Protein backbone atom coordinates (compact mmCIF):
# COMPACT_ATOMS: atom_id res chain seq x y z
CA MET A 1 273.40 207.18 223.57
CA ALA A 2 276.25 209.34 224.83
CA ALA A 3 278.16 208.39 227.97
CA THR A 4 277.40 211.77 229.55
CA SER A 5 274.37 210.59 231.51
CA TYR A 6 276.34 207.69 232.98
CA LEU A 7 279.36 209.83 233.90
CA ASN A 8 277.18 212.44 235.58
CA LYS A 9 275.76 209.88 237.99
CA PHE A 10 278.93 209.81 240.07
CA PRO A 11 280.39 212.78 241.96
CA SER A 12 283.89 211.32 241.78
CA TYR A 13 285.94 209.83 238.97
CA CYS A 14 287.24 207.11 241.32
CA LYS A 15 283.69 206.07 242.22
CA MET A 16 282.75 205.95 238.54
CA VAL A 17 285.75 203.72 237.76
CA SER A 18 284.88 201.37 240.61
CA HIS A 19 281.28 201.01 239.41
CA ALA A 20 282.29 200.59 235.75
CA LYS A 21 284.84 197.91 236.67
CA ASN A 22 282.27 195.92 238.62
CA LEU A 23 279.87 196.18 235.69
CA ALA A 24 282.58 194.99 233.27
CA LYS A 25 283.44 192.00 235.49
CA ARG A 26 279.90 190.65 235.08
CA SER A 27 279.99 191.14 231.30
CA ILE A 28 280.96 188.82 228.46
CA LEU A 29 282.10 190.12 225.07
CA ILE A 30 281.63 187.70 222.16
CA ASP A 31 283.13 188.09 218.69
CA HIS A 32 280.63 186.79 216.13
CA GLY A 33 283.41 185.43 213.91
CA GLY A 34 281.88 186.96 210.78
CA LEU A 35 278.28 185.92 211.49
CA GLU A 36 275.49 188.45 211.66
CA HIS A 37 273.60 186.79 214.54
CA ILE A 38 274.57 184.27 217.22
CA ASP A 39 272.56 182.03 219.54
CA LEU A 40 272.18 183.61 222.99
CA ASN A 41 269.69 181.08 224.37
CA THR A 42 272.04 178.14 224.82
CA ASN A 43 273.92 177.91 228.15
CA PHE A 44 273.06 181.53 228.96
CA ALA A 45 271.01 182.50 232.00
CA ASN A 46 270.33 185.57 234.14
CA ILE A 47 271.04 188.02 231.32
CA GLU A 48 270.38 191.63 232.24
CA HIS A 49 271.12 193.47 228.97
CA VAL A 50 272.52 192.70 225.53
CA TYR A 51 274.22 195.12 223.14
CA GLN A 52 274.56 193.95 219.54
CA ILE A 53 277.47 196.01 218.24
CA GLU A 54 278.43 196.68 214.65
CA LYS A 55 281.90 198.17 214.81
CA GLU A 56 283.68 199.85 211.91
CA ASN A 57 287.11 201.43 212.07
CA ARG A 58 290.30 201.68 210.07
CA ARG A 59 291.13 198.04 210.91
CA GLY A 60 287.98 196.64 209.36
CA HIS A 61 284.43 195.58 210.14
CA SER A 62 283.36 193.36 213.06
CA ARG A 63 280.21 192.28 214.90
CA LEU A 64 280.21 191.86 218.65
CA SER A 65 277.73 191.03 221.40
CA LEU A 66 278.23 192.59 224.82
CA ILE A 67 276.22 190.59 227.36
CA GLU A 68 275.71 191.98 230.85
CA PHE A 69 274.70 189.40 233.46
CA LYS A 70 273.01 189.96 236.79
CA SER A 71 276.04 188.84 238.82
CA VAL A 72 279.75 188.14 238.44
CA GLU A 73 279.12 184.46 239.15
CA ASP A 74 276.83 184.19 236.11
CA ALA A 75 279.51 185.68 233.85
CA ASP A 76 282.19 183.42 235.37
CA ARG A 77 279.98 180.39 234.75
CA VAL A 78 279.69 181.22 231.05
CA ALA A 79 283.42 181.94 230.72
CA SER A 80 284.35 178.65 232.43
CA SER A 81 282.01 176.67 230.13
CA ALA A 82 283.83 177.89 227.01
CA ARG A 83 286.31 175.39 225.57
CA HIS A 84 290.00 175.99 224.85
CA VAL A 85 291.78 175.27 221.57
CA ASP A 86 293.97 172.18 221.58
CA GLY A 87 297.67 172.85 221.27
CA LEU A 88 297.44 176.46 222.52
CA LEU A 89 298.10 177.93 225.96
CA PRO A 90 294.74 177.88 227.83
CA ILE A 91 293.98 181.35 229.24
CA SER A 92 290.47 182.03 230.55
CA LEU A 93 289.15 185.52 229.81
CA LYS A 94 285.71 187.04 229.37
CA ILE A 95 286.31 187.97 225.73
CA LEU A 96 285.28 184.94 223.64
CA ARG A 97 284.79 183.93 220.01
CA TYR A 98 281.61 182.33 218.72
CA ASN A 99 282.14 179.04 216.88
CA GLY A 100 278.56 177.99 216.23
CA ARG A 101 276.04 178.29 213.44
CA LEU A 102 274.19 181.33 212.23
CA ALA A 103 271.16 181.95 214.43
CA ARG A 104 267.95 183.85 213.97
CA SER A 105 267.82 187.54 214.75
CA LEU A 106 266.73 188.39 218.26
CA ASP A 107 264.08 190.62 216.71
CA ASP A 108 262.26 187.55 215.37
CA HIS A 109 261.24 186.35 218.83
CA LYS A 110 260.65 187.91 222.20
CA THR A 111 263.45 187.78 224.74
CA PRO A 112 263.23 188.18 228.52
CA PHE A 113 266.03 190.74 228.39
CA PRO A 114 266.41 194.03 226.50
CA VAL A 115 268.42 193.94 223.28
CA GLU A 116 269.93 197.14 221.90
CA LYS A 117 271.57 197.49 218.50
CA VAL A 118 274.50 199.89 218.33
CA ARG A 119 276.69 200.95 215.44
CA LEU A 120 280.15 202.31 216.23
CA SER A 121 281.78 203.96 213.25
CA SER A 122 284.56 206.47 212.79
CA GLU A 123 282.55 208.02 209.94
CA ARG A 124 280.26 209.67 212.49
CA GLN A 125 283.13 211.86 213.72
CA ASP A 126 284.03 212.93 210.16
CA SER A 127 280.43 213.56 209.16
CA LEU A 128 279.38 216.90 207.68
CA ASP A 129 275.83 216.38 208.90
CA PHE A 130 275.71 219.16 211.49
CA ASN A 131 273.97 222.51 211.51
CA SER A 132 274.92 223.74 214.97
CA TYR A 133 277.67 223.46 217.54
CA THR A 134 275.68 220.97 219.60
CA ASP A 135 275.28 218.71 216.56
CA LEU A 136 279.04 218.78 216.00
CA ILE A 137 279.70 218.05 219.67
CA SER A 138 277.25 215.15 219.79
CA ASN A 139 278.85 213.59 216.69
CA ASN A 140 282.22 213.51 218.45
CA MET A 141 281.23 212.50 221.98
CA MET A 142 281.89 208.99 223.24
CA SER A 143 278.89 206.69 223.35
CA LEU A 144 277.96 204.62 226.39
CA VAL A 145 278.71 201.33 224.61
CA ALA A 146 282.18 202.55 223.59
CA LEU A 147 282.86 203.40 227.25
CA LYS A 148 281.70 199.93 228.30
CA LEU A 149 284.03 198.32 225.75
CA ARG A 150 286.96 200.23 227.25
CA PHE A 151 286.27 198.91 230.72
CA VAL A 152 285.73 195.36 229.43
CA THR A 153 289.16 195.63 227.80
CA LEU A 154 290.63 196.99 231.05
CA VAL A 155 289.37 194.25 233.38
CA ASN A 156 290.54 191.46 231.05
CA PHE A 157 294.05 192.90 230.82
CA GLU A 158 294.03 193.49 234.57
CA LYS A 159 293.25 189.81 235.21
CA ILE A 160 296.50 188.76 233.50
CA LEU A 161 298.86 191.64 234.30
CA CYS A 162 297.84 192.24 237.91
CA SER A 163 298.09 188.70 239.22
CA GLY A 164 300.68 186.60 240.98
CA ILE A 165 303.50 188.76 242.34
CA PHE A 166 301.60 191.86 241.16
CA ASP A 167 298.35 190.86 242.87
CA ASN A 168 298.46 194.01 245.06
CA TYR A 169 298.31 196.22 241.96
CA GLU A 170 295.48 197.23 239.63
CA LEU A 171 294.95 198.97 236.32
CA MET A 172 293.45 202.45 236.58
CA PRO A 173 292.27 204.38 233.51
CA PHE A 174 293.07 208.07 233.34
CA GLY A 175 293.02 210.92 230.88
CA SER A 176 290.18 212.32 228.83
CA SER A 177 289.10 208.84 227.70
CA VAL A 178 287.16 208.37 230.96
CA THR A 179 285.75 211.90 231.19
CA ASP A 180 282.99 213.73 229.38
CA MET A 181 285.56 215.16 226.94
CA ALA A 182 286.37 211.74 225.47
CA SER A 183 286.05 210.66 221.85
CA GLU A 184 285.74 207.12 220.54
CA SER A 185 288.91 207.39 218.46
CA GLY A 186 291.10 208.32 221.43
CA ASP A 187 293.60 206.04 223.15
CA LEU A 188 292.97 204.31 226.47
CA ASP A 189 295.56 205.46 229.00
CA LEU A 190 296.25 202.94 231.78
CA VAL A 191 298.53 202.98 234.80
CA VAL A 192 299.66 200.09 236.98
CA THR A 193 299.29 201.31 240.56
CA ARG A 194 298.66 200.03 244.10
CA ARG A 195 295.18 198.86 245.13
CA LEU A 196 294.20 201.79 247.34
CA ASP A 197 291.26 204.00 248.09
CA HIS A 198 292.30 206.53 245.46
CA HIS A 199 289.37 208.78 246.30
CA GLN A 200 290.55 209.23 249.89
CA GLU A 201 294.18 209.45 248.81
CA ILE A 202 293.40 212.36 246.48
CA ILE A 203 291.51 214.21 249.24
CA ASN A 204 294.45 213.73 251.60
CA SER A 205 296.85 214.93 248.91
CA PHE A 206 294.87 218.13 248.39
CA ARG A 207 294.79 218.79 252.12
CA ASN A 208 298.50 218.12 252.42
CA MET A 209 299.29 220.45 249.52
CA ALA A 210 297.21 223.24 251.03
CA SER A 211 298.56 222.87 254.59
CA LYS A 212 302.26 222.36 253.81
CA ALA A 213 302.58 224.62 250.79
CA PRO A 214 305.15 227.38 251.23
CA GLU A 215 304.53 230.78 249.73
CA SER A 216 306.68 230.03 246.72
CA GLY A 217 304.68 227.00 245.64
CA PHE A 218 303.66 223.45 246.43
CA HIS A 219 306.56 221.17 247.30
CA ALA A 220 305.14 218.89 249.97
CA THR A 221 306.72 215.48 250.27
CA ALA A 222 304.70 212.47 249.32
CA SER A 223 305.56 210.31 252.32
CA SER A 224 303.12 212.20 254.52
CA ASN A 225 300.18 211.25 252.30
CA ARG A 226 300.48 207.49 252.58
CA ILE A 227 298.04 205.98 255.02
CA GLU A 228 300.08 203.32 256.72
CA ASN A 229 298.49 200.45 258.58
CA GLN A 230 299.95 200.76 262.07
CA SER A 231 297.33 198.53 263.76
CA THR A 232 299.38 195.36 263.39
CA GLN A 233 302.91 194.40 264.34
CA LEU A 234 303.26 191.85 261.52
CA VAL A 235 305.25 192.80 258.42
CA HIS A 236 305.46 191.01 255.07
CA LEU A 237 308.81 189.90 253.68
CA ASP A 238 308.62 192.24 250.70
CA LYS A 239 311.25 192.39 247.99
CA SER A 240 313.20 195.48 246.94
CA ILE A 241 313.97 195.64 243.23
CA TYR A 242 315.58 199.07 243.47
CA SER A 243 319.09 199.37 242.04
CA GLU A 244 321.04 202.60 242.33
CA THR A 245 323.41 201.71 239.49
CA LYS A 246 321.04 200.01 237.04
CA ASP A 247 317.52 201.17 237.83
CA ASN A 248 317.10 204.54 239.50
CA SER A 249 313.31 204.47 239.42
CA GLY A 250 312.92 200.86 240.43
CA PHE A 251 310.50 199.66 237.79
CA ARG A 252 312.37 199.14 234.51
CA GLY A 253 312.96 195.48 235.33
CA ALA A 254 309.28 195.06 236.14
CA MET A 255 308.43 196.93 232.94
CA ARG A 256 310.36 194.36 230.90
CA TRP A 257 308.32 191.64 232.61
CA PHE A 258 305.04 193.30 231.59
CA ASP A 259 306.38 193.73 228.05
CA HIS A 260 307.26 190.02 227.90
CA VAL A 261 303.82 188.95 229.13
CA LEU A 262 302.04 191.20 226.62
CA ARG A 263 304.18 189.93 223.75
CA GLU A 264 304.27 186.21 224.48
CA TYR A 265 301.33 185.20 226.69
CA MET A 266 298.50 187.73 226.35
CA PRO A 267 295.91 186.41 223.86
CA LEU A 268 294.38 189.86 223.36
CA THR A 269 297.53 191.31 221.76
CA ASP A 270 299.70 190.50 218.78
CA GLY A 271 303.34 190.24 219.75
CA PHE A 272 304.57 192.38 216.87
CA GLY A 273 302.11 195.12 217.83
CA VAL A 274 303.55 195.70 221.32
CA LEU A 275 305.98 198.62 221.55
CA CYS A 276 307.99 199.20 224.75
CA LEU A 277 309.34 202.75 225.17
CA HIS A 278 311.47 202.16 228.25
CA ARG A 279 313.90 205.00 227.55
CA ALA A 280 311.24 207.70 227.24
CA LYS A 281 310.88 210.40 229.89
CA VAL A 282 307.61 208.73 230.88
CA PRO A 283 308.18 205.04 230.01
CA ILE A 284 305.11 203.39 228.52
CA ILE A 285 304.11 200.25 226.63
CA LYS A 286 301.90 200.79 223.58
CA PHE A 287 299.67 198.00 222.29
CA THR A 288 296.33 197.42 220.59
CA SER A 289 293.65 195.20 222.04
CA ARG A 290 292.25 192.57 219.72
CA VAL A 291 288.49 192.21 219.23
CA THR A 292 287.76 195.65 220.73
CA ASN A 293 290.46 197.35 218.56
CA ILE A 294 291.36 199.92 221.23
CA ASP A 295 294.83 201.50 221.30
CA CYS A 296 296.26 201.42 224.84
CA ASP A 297 299.17 203.20 226.54
CA LEU A 298 300.35 201.43 229.70
CA SER A 299 302.37 203.44 232.23
CA PHE A 300 303.63 202.50 235.69
CA ASP A 301 303.49 203.84 239.22
CA LEU A 302 304.61 200.87 241.30
CA GLY A 303 305.38 202.89 244.44
CA LEU A 304 308.91 201.51 244.83
CA ASP A 305 310.79 204.79 245.31
CA TYR A 306 309.38 208.01 246.82
CA ARG A 307 312.60 209.89 247.42
CA GLU A 308 312.00 212.61 244.85
CA LEU A 309 311.19 215.75 246.83
CA GLU A 310 309.36 217.42 243.98
CA SER A 311 306.64 214.78 244.10
CA ASN A 312 303.51 216.16 245.72
CA SER A 313 301.58 212.97 246.25
CA THR A 314 301.73 209.20 246.19
CA VAL A 315 298.73 209.28 243.86
CA PRO A 316 299.85 209.10 240.20
CA PRO A 317 299.66 212.58 238.63
CA GLY A 318 297.49 211.25 235.82
CA ILE A 319 294.84 210.02 238.25
CA MET A 320 294.85 213.31 240.17
CA MET A 321 294.51 215.37 237.00
CA THR A 322 291.72 213.13 235.73
CA GLU A 323 289.86 213.53 239.03
CA ILE A 324 290.08 217.31 238.74
CA LEU A 325 288.94 217.39 235.10
CA TYR A 326 286.15 214.90 235.75
CA SER A 327 284.77 216.85 238.71
CA LEU A 328 284.96 220.24 237.00
CA CYS A 329 283.38 219.03 233.77
CA ARG A 330 280.62 217.01 235.44
CA ASN A 331 277.34 218.71 234.58
CA ASN A 332 279.29 221.61 233.03
CA ASN A 333 278.75 221.09 229.33
CA LEU A 334 280.18 224.49 228.36
CA ILE A 335 283.74 223.40 229.21
CA THR A 336 283.11 220.00 227.63
CA ALA A 337 281.74 221.49 224.42
CA LEU A 338 284.61 223.98 224.11
CA VAL A 339 287.27 221.29 224.62
CA ILE A 340 285.67 218.93 222.09
CA TYR A 341 285.39 221.68 219.46
CA LEU A 342 288.98 222.84 219.95
CA ARG A 343 290.29 219.28 219.80
CA ILE A 344 288.55 218.78 216.47
CA TYR A 345 289.95 222.10 215.32
CA ALA A 346 293.49 221.21 216.46
CA LYS A 347 293.39 217.79 214.80
CA LEU A 348 292.11 219.07 211.44
CA ASN A 349 294.67 221.91 211.38
CA SER A 350 297.67 219.70 212.31
CA ILE A 351 298.18 221.38 215.67
CA THR A 352 297.99 218.08 217.54
CA SER A 353 299.44 214.78 216.40
CA LYS A 354 300.11 211.30 217.77
CA VAL A 355 303.50 211.24 216.05
CA SER A 356 306.35 212.23 218.34
CA GLY A 357 308.08 215.48 217.37
CA ILE A 358 305.18 216.74 215.25
CA GLY A 359 302.89 219.32 216.80
CA MET A 360 301.78 218.68 220.38
CA THR A 361 299.82 216.04 222.24
CA ASN A 362 296.17 216.36 223.20
CA PHE A 363 297.06 216.93 226.85
CA GLN A 364 299.53 219.66 225.99
CA PHE A 365 296.88 221.40 223.91
CA LEU A 366 294.37 220.87 226.73
CA SER A 367 296.71 222.70 229.12
CA LEU A 368 296.52 225.75 226.82
CA VAL A 369 292.73 225.55 226.87
CA ILE A 370 292.74 225.34 230.68
CA PHE A 371 294.94 228.42 231.00
CA PHE A 372 292.64 230.36 228.67
CA LEU A 373 289.60 229.36 230.75
CA GLN A 374 291.45 230.52 233.88
CA GLN A 375 291.70 233.99 232.34
CA THR A 376 288.06 234.19 231.21
CA ALA A 377 284.94 234.95 233.22
CA LEU A 378 281.28 234.42 232.38
CA GLU A 379 278.65 236.95 233.42
CA LYS A 380 274.90 236.50 233.41
CA VAL A 381 273.41 239.82 232.26
CA GLU A 382 269.77 240.86 232.31
CA ASN A 383 268.34 241.07 228.81
CA ALA A 384 266.88 244.58 228.46
CA THR A 385 265.18 243.76 225.15
CA THR A 386 262.49 241.52 226.66
CA PRO A 387 259.19 242.92 225.29
CA TYR A 388 256.96 241.45 228.00
CA LEU A 389 257.08 241.09 231.74
CA PRO A 390 256.23 237.64 233.11
CA SER A 391 253.28 239.08 235.06
CA SER A 392 251.97 241.14 232.18
CA PRO A 393 248.58 240.10 230.75
CA GLU A 394 250.04 240.60 227.27
CA ALA A 395 252.81 238.08 227.89
CA PRO A 396 252.77 235.20 225.38
CA SER A 397 252.18 231.65 226.48
CA GLN A 398 254.88 229.00 226.33
CA GLY A 399 253.10 227.40 223.41
CA ASP A 400 253.27 230.63 221.42
CA ILE A 401 256.98 230.94 222.15
CA ASP A 402 257.64 227.34 221.07
CA ALA A 403 255.58 227.83 217.89
CA CYS A 404 257.40 231.02 216.85
CA PRO A 405 260.62 231.49 218.85
CA SER A 406 261.84 234.32 216.57
CA LYS A 407 258.83 236.47 217.44
CA PHE A 408 259.19 236.33 221.21
CA VAL A 409 262.18 236.55 223.52
CA GLY A 410 262.13 233.40 225.63
CA ARG A 411 264.90 234.36 228.07
CA LYS A 412 265.26 237.44 230.22
CA TYR A 413 269.05 237.17 230.39
CA ARG A 414 272.11 236.58 228.25
CA TYR A 415 275.70 235.47 228.84
CA GLU A 416 278.76 237.62 228.24
CA PHE A 417 282.43 236.67 228.41
CA ARG A 418 285.14 239.03 229.53
CA PRO A 419 288.80 238.65 230.50
CA LEU A 420 289.69 238.70 234.18
CA LYS A 421 291.76 241.54 235.54
CA ARG A 422 295.47 241.04 234.97
CA ARG A 423 296.99 239.48 238.04
CA ARG A 424 300.11 240.93 239.53
CA ASN A 425 303.17 238.92 238.66
CA ARG A 426 305.46 237.69 241.40
CA SER A 427 308.30 236.94 239.00
CA MET A 428 308.41 240.63 238.02
CA GLY A 429 309.16 241.63 241.60
CA GLN A 430 305.62 242.77 242.39
CA ARG A 431 303.45 241.76 245.26
CA ASN A 432 301.27 238.72 244.72
CA ASP A 433 299.26 238.46 247.97
CA ASN A 434 295.52 237.93 247.67
CA GLU A 435 295.74 238.20 243.91
CA HIS A 436 292.55 236.19 243.54
CA ASN A 437 290.57 239.07 245.08
CA ASP A 438 291.37 241.36 242.17
CA ASP A 439 288.23 240.21 240.37
CA PRO A 440 285.09 239.18 242.27
CA ILE A 441 283.80 237.01 239.40
CA ARG A 442 285.07 233.46 239.28
CA PRO A 443 286.85 232.23 236.14
CA LEU A 444 285.44 229.41 234.06
CA PHE A 445 288.23 227.15 235.32
CA PRO A 446 289.67 227.86 238.80
CA SER A 447 293.39 227.92 239.46
CA PHE A 448 294.82 224.70 240.82
CA LYS A 449 295.85 226.61 243.92
CA ASP A 450 292.18 227.38 244.58
CA ILE A 451 291.33 223.73 244.00
CA PHE A 452 293.92 222.58 246.53
CA ASN A 453 292.85 225.19 249.08
CA GLY A 454 289.23 224.20 248.60
CA GLY A 455 290.06 220.81 250.07
CA SER A 456 287.53 218.90 247.96
CA LEU A 457 286.05 218.94 244.49
CA TYR A 458 282.96 217.01 245.38
CA ASP A 459 281.00 219.64 247.27
CA ASP A 460 278.78 221.66 244.95
CA SER A 461 279.05 224.65 247.27
CA GLY A 462 282.83 224.77 246.92
CA VAL A 463 285.07 225.60 243.99
CA ASN A 464 283.24 223.27 241.63
CA VAL A 465 280.09 225.23 240.74
CA GLN A 466 277.74 222.94 238.82
CA GLN A 467 276.09 224.49 235.77
CA HIS A 468 274.26 222.95 232.86
CA TYR A 469 273.30 224.91 229.74
CA ASP A 470 270.68 223.96 227.18
CA GLU A 471 271.40 223.67 223.45
CA ASP A 472 270.26 227.18 222.60
CA GLU A 473 272.53 228.68 225.26
CA LEU A 474 275.49 226.61 224.09
CA ASN A 475 274.99 227.59 220.46
CA GLU A 476 274.81 231.20 221.56
CA MET A 477 277.88 231.18 223.83
CA LEU A 478 280.34 228.95 221.98
CA PRO A 479 281.12 231.21 218.97
CA GLY A 480 282.17 234.13 221.16
CA LEU A 481 284.17 231.91 223.52
CA ILE A 482 285.97 230.20 220.62
CA MET A 483 286.87 233.51 219.02
CA ARG A 484 288.21 234.75 222.36
CA PHE A 485 290.47 231.68 222.45
CA PHE A 486 291.79 232.45 218.97
CA ARG A 487 292.45 236.10 219.80
CA PHE A 488 294.03 235.23 223.16
CA TYR A 489 296.77 233.02 221.71
CA SER A 490 297.20 234.97 218.47
CA SER A 491 298.72 237.82 220.51
CA PHE A 492 300.33 235.84 223.37
CA ASP A 493 304.09 236.38 223.75
CA PHE A 494 305.39 232.82 224.15
CA ASP A 495 309.03 233.97 224.01
CA ARG A 496 308.77 236.11 227.14
CA TYR A 497 306.11 234.45 229.27
CA SER A 498 305.29 231.02 230.62
CA LEU A 499 301.84 229.73 231.58
CA ASN A 500 301.38 229.09 235.30
CA LEU A 501 298.38 226.80 235.76
CA LEU A 502 298.96 226.59 239.50
CA GLU A 503 298.21 230.27 240.14
CA SER A 504 296.58 231.01 236.74
CA SER A 505 299.12 233.74 235.94
CA ARG A 506 301.63 234.45 233.21
CA ASP A 507 305.18 234.42 234.56
CA LYS A 508 308.43 235.49 233.06
CA LYS A 509 310.07 232.59 231.25
CA LEU A 510 313.33 231.55 232.93
CA ASP A 511 314.63 229.02 230.39
CA ASN A 512 315.01 228.68 226.63
CA SER A 513 312.14 226.24 226.04
CA VAL A 514 309.87 227.00 223.09
CA LEU A 515 306.65 226.69 225.11
CA TYR A 516 306.60 226.51 228.91
CA VAL A 517 303.45 225.40 230.76
CA MET A 518 303.98 224.70 234.45
CA ASN A 519 302.70 221.33 235.61
CA PRO A 520 300.45 222.25 238.57
CA LEU A 521 300.96 218.84 240.22
CA GLU A 522 304.73 218.85 239.69
CA PRO A 523 305.70 222.55 239.52
CA ASN A 524 309.31 221.86 238.55
CA ARG A 525 308.28 220.24 235.28
CA ASN A 526 307.16 221.67 231.95
CA ILE A 527 304.14 220.01 230.34
CA CYS A 528 305.21 221.18 226.86
CA HIS A 529 308.91 220.40 227.21
CA ASN A 530 309.09 218.53 223.87
CA VAL A 531 307.11 220.98 221.72
CA ASN A 532 309.43 222.31 219.03
CA ARG A 533 309.44 225.67 217.27
CA LYS A 534 307.59 224.35 214.24
CA GLY A 535 304.75 223.01 216.39
CA LEU A 536 304.31 226.34 218.17
CA GLU A 537 304.42 228.28 214.89
CA GLN A 538 301.69 226.03 213.49
CA LEU A 539 299.48 226.83 216.49
CA VAL A 540 300.02 230.60 216.20
CA LYS A 541 299.54 230.53 212.43
CA GLN A 542 296.21 228.70 212.62
CA VAL A 543 294.69 230.79 215.43
CA ARG A 544 295.69 234.02 213.64
CA GLU A 545 294.04 232.81 210.44
CA SER A 546 290.93 231.83 212.40
CA CYS A 547 290.70 235.32 213.85
CA ASN A 548 289.70 236.51 210.39
CA TYR A 549 286.38 234.70 210.71
CA GLU A 550 283.73 237.14 211.89
CA VAL A 551 281.03 236.09 214.30
CA GLY A 552 277.61 237.35 213.28
CA SER A 553 278.41 240.06 210.74
CA ARG A 554 275.48 242.13 209.45
CA SER A 555 274.31 242.67 205.90
CA TYR A 556 272.90 245.96 204.59
CA ILE A 557 269.35 244.82 205.38
CA GLY A 558 270.24 244.06 208.98
CA GLU A 559 270.08 240.26 208.81
CA ALA A 560 272.76 238.05 210.33
CA VAL A 561 275.29 236.47 207.99
CA PRO A 562 276.57 233.34 209.82
CA ALA A 563 278.69 232.05 206.94
CA ARG A 564 282.00 233.08 208.49
CA ASP A 565 281.83 231.67 212.01
CA PRO A 566 283.99 229.04 213.76
CA LEU A 567 281.55 226.33 212.70
CA HIS A 568 282.18 227.21 209.07
CA SER A 569 285.94 226.81 209.59
CA ILE A 570 285.41 223.26 210.94
CA ARG A 571 283.23 222.38 207.95
CA LYS A 572 285.85 223.74 205.57
CA ALA A 573 288.63 221.80 207.32
CA LEU A 574 286.55 218.59 207.27
CA LEU A 575 285.99 218.94 203.52
CA LYS A 576 289.72 219.36 202.98
CA TYR A 577 290.43 216.37 205.21
CA LYS A 578 287.95 214.17 203.33
CA LYS A 579 289.51 215.13 200.00
CA GLN A 580 292.96 214.20 201.30
CA VAL A 581 291.70 210.84 202.59
CA LYS A 582 289.95 210.11 199.29
CA LYS A 583 293.07 211.03 197.35
CA GLY A 584 295.19 208.80 199.55
CA ARG A 585 292.84 205.86 199.04
CA THR A 586 292.87 206.45 195.27
CA LEU A 587 296.67 206.44 195.18
CA LEU A 588 296.73 203.30 197.31
CA VAL A 589 294.32 201.47 195.01
CA SER A 590 296.28 202.56 191.91
CA ASP A 591 299.52 201.35 193.49
CA GLU A 592 297.89 198.00 194.29
CA ASP A 593 296.60 197.72 190.71
CA ASP A 594 300.07 198.51 189.31
CA PHE A 595 301.56 195.90 191.60
CA LEU A 596 299.01 193.30 190.47
CA VAL A 597 299.69 194.12 186.81
CA ARG A 598 303.44 193.84 187.33
CA ASP A 599 302.90 190.63 189.28
CA ASN A 600 300.75 189.13 186.49
CA GLN A 601 303.28 190.17 183.83
CA ARG A 602 306.05 188.59 185.88
CA ALA A 603 304.03 185.39 186.23
CA ASP A 604 303.36 185.28 182.46
CA TYR A 605 307.08 185.85 181.74
CA TYR A 606 308.20 183.04 184.05
CA GLY A 607 305.44 180.81 182.64
CA ARG A 608 306.66 181.30 179.07
CA THR A 609 310.28 180.76 180.18
CA ASN A 610 309.38 177.46 181.81
CA GLU A 611 307.59 176.29 178.67
CA ILE A 612 310.67 177.12 176.53
CA ALA A 613 312.92 175.29 178.98
CA ARG A 614 310.74 172.18 178.85
CA ASP A 615 310.80 172.23 175.01
CA VAL A 616 314.60 172.49 175.00
CA CYS A 617 314.87 169.55 177.38
CA ARG A 618 312.68 167.44 175.15
């Protein structure tokens, strides 16, 4: 089951994270240790739900049991009853290993709790078993169990990292991994930040940006957003670790402490697998969680120095951006479907990459998709080809329409995309007042300036218009929208213009960067600052080649020929990708065989040499 239904329950990303954390704290994850079934009847009580997980990825095959209890106390009782290994540092977590005998399958006897079997495999994302866009999207969406595993990983790392002197901090997930656009193969982005009401902080930040924003842009200071507790006259003896000569940002020393804990004392990581990038523009620590096999990127927002005037908010930018994306994509599966398709397309065509200096990151590519959606409008047009009126006695019944949908027209309307009117450009010396009134139809993705002026993303009557489309509507709309994306960037002049996400306009580029996309939360920064010329040329090359695919061409007998649509390009790229993977595995096996042959020959040679030496000695 996809995680969409769970994510759509909550109007706010912060509320969803709070609920998912509480659910993960009353959960126990058990590694079967190679066994197919384990005994869940001994020492277990008050079980609410059990997920038997068969997980396959590039690191191997594993079997897990995710047990959700009715309360946190029940999960703590089970974790405290587990024994520690003699001679090793005892650290109590809620990720355990089973060390018992093989038990009977839970299907063989009735249990007082529901048991659900789930298989998590990367092969599902690379599968060619899809006949429509919705099938492709569903194959690449994150499942509910995969989302639960991410939060179980988060709360166990939070217990170790955010304790002691960092007890006032917490781990917050951000990025697409906790939105409806997530995929199971993506990384888990985490940030160490203060324990605050992030939901209220984001609302206050939006209000502050809208009220204190000058005409040239948003440059409000962050100190006005912090809700200080002025009801008491008592002050803690806090410690300042800021150093003007050694540590301008005030957290590199703390970052080394986190790196040391992850390397030496965290049982869920291997020391050699922890990579600290403390000299990067955004310093992070990269590591992989054991048992769950989830790649994590840990960043920091310790709140030790807020003297940078370009900062708009005390809320980490990643959390604010995630809140915006979560709220706009909630119950809006058109944006979600488009982003998932284009991410698959970008990955298969080497537009995006996890390797630094090659292509662009997923977020950088997502910023291009957002700007395109800001320039595109969706209109609902009456369908003039409807043969029957609803009140007509000749109108077919719903059963007739379901039995033969090609004979009857089930909908009286259709959707059409069109570009918004070109907005006047302030950088060209033209007037820019009330530029959002040029076109009465709202874009698919509002400008961030409209979001800030709206004051809140959680009111359905505001900027965030909720819309849900069925599968037939998605399969009808996606090909045209995808082709518009290809044509939009195949003719975009990246050398002359920059992409302004704040006001959803193209501005004249004022520097020599290859690709400039203004960060709407930090307007002085470029999201794509590290994209090189080769990465941009790869993007332009691929979208221009994709423009050659026709959507719905007609044959001489008038029937549709859907062989050259965007879905066909994904299938073709997947076939090429599978051939490359198969070839790589074949070369790897042949290299291993050659090594074994050479190793055996070497062993035979040394064996014969030793025999000759023994004969000489005799």
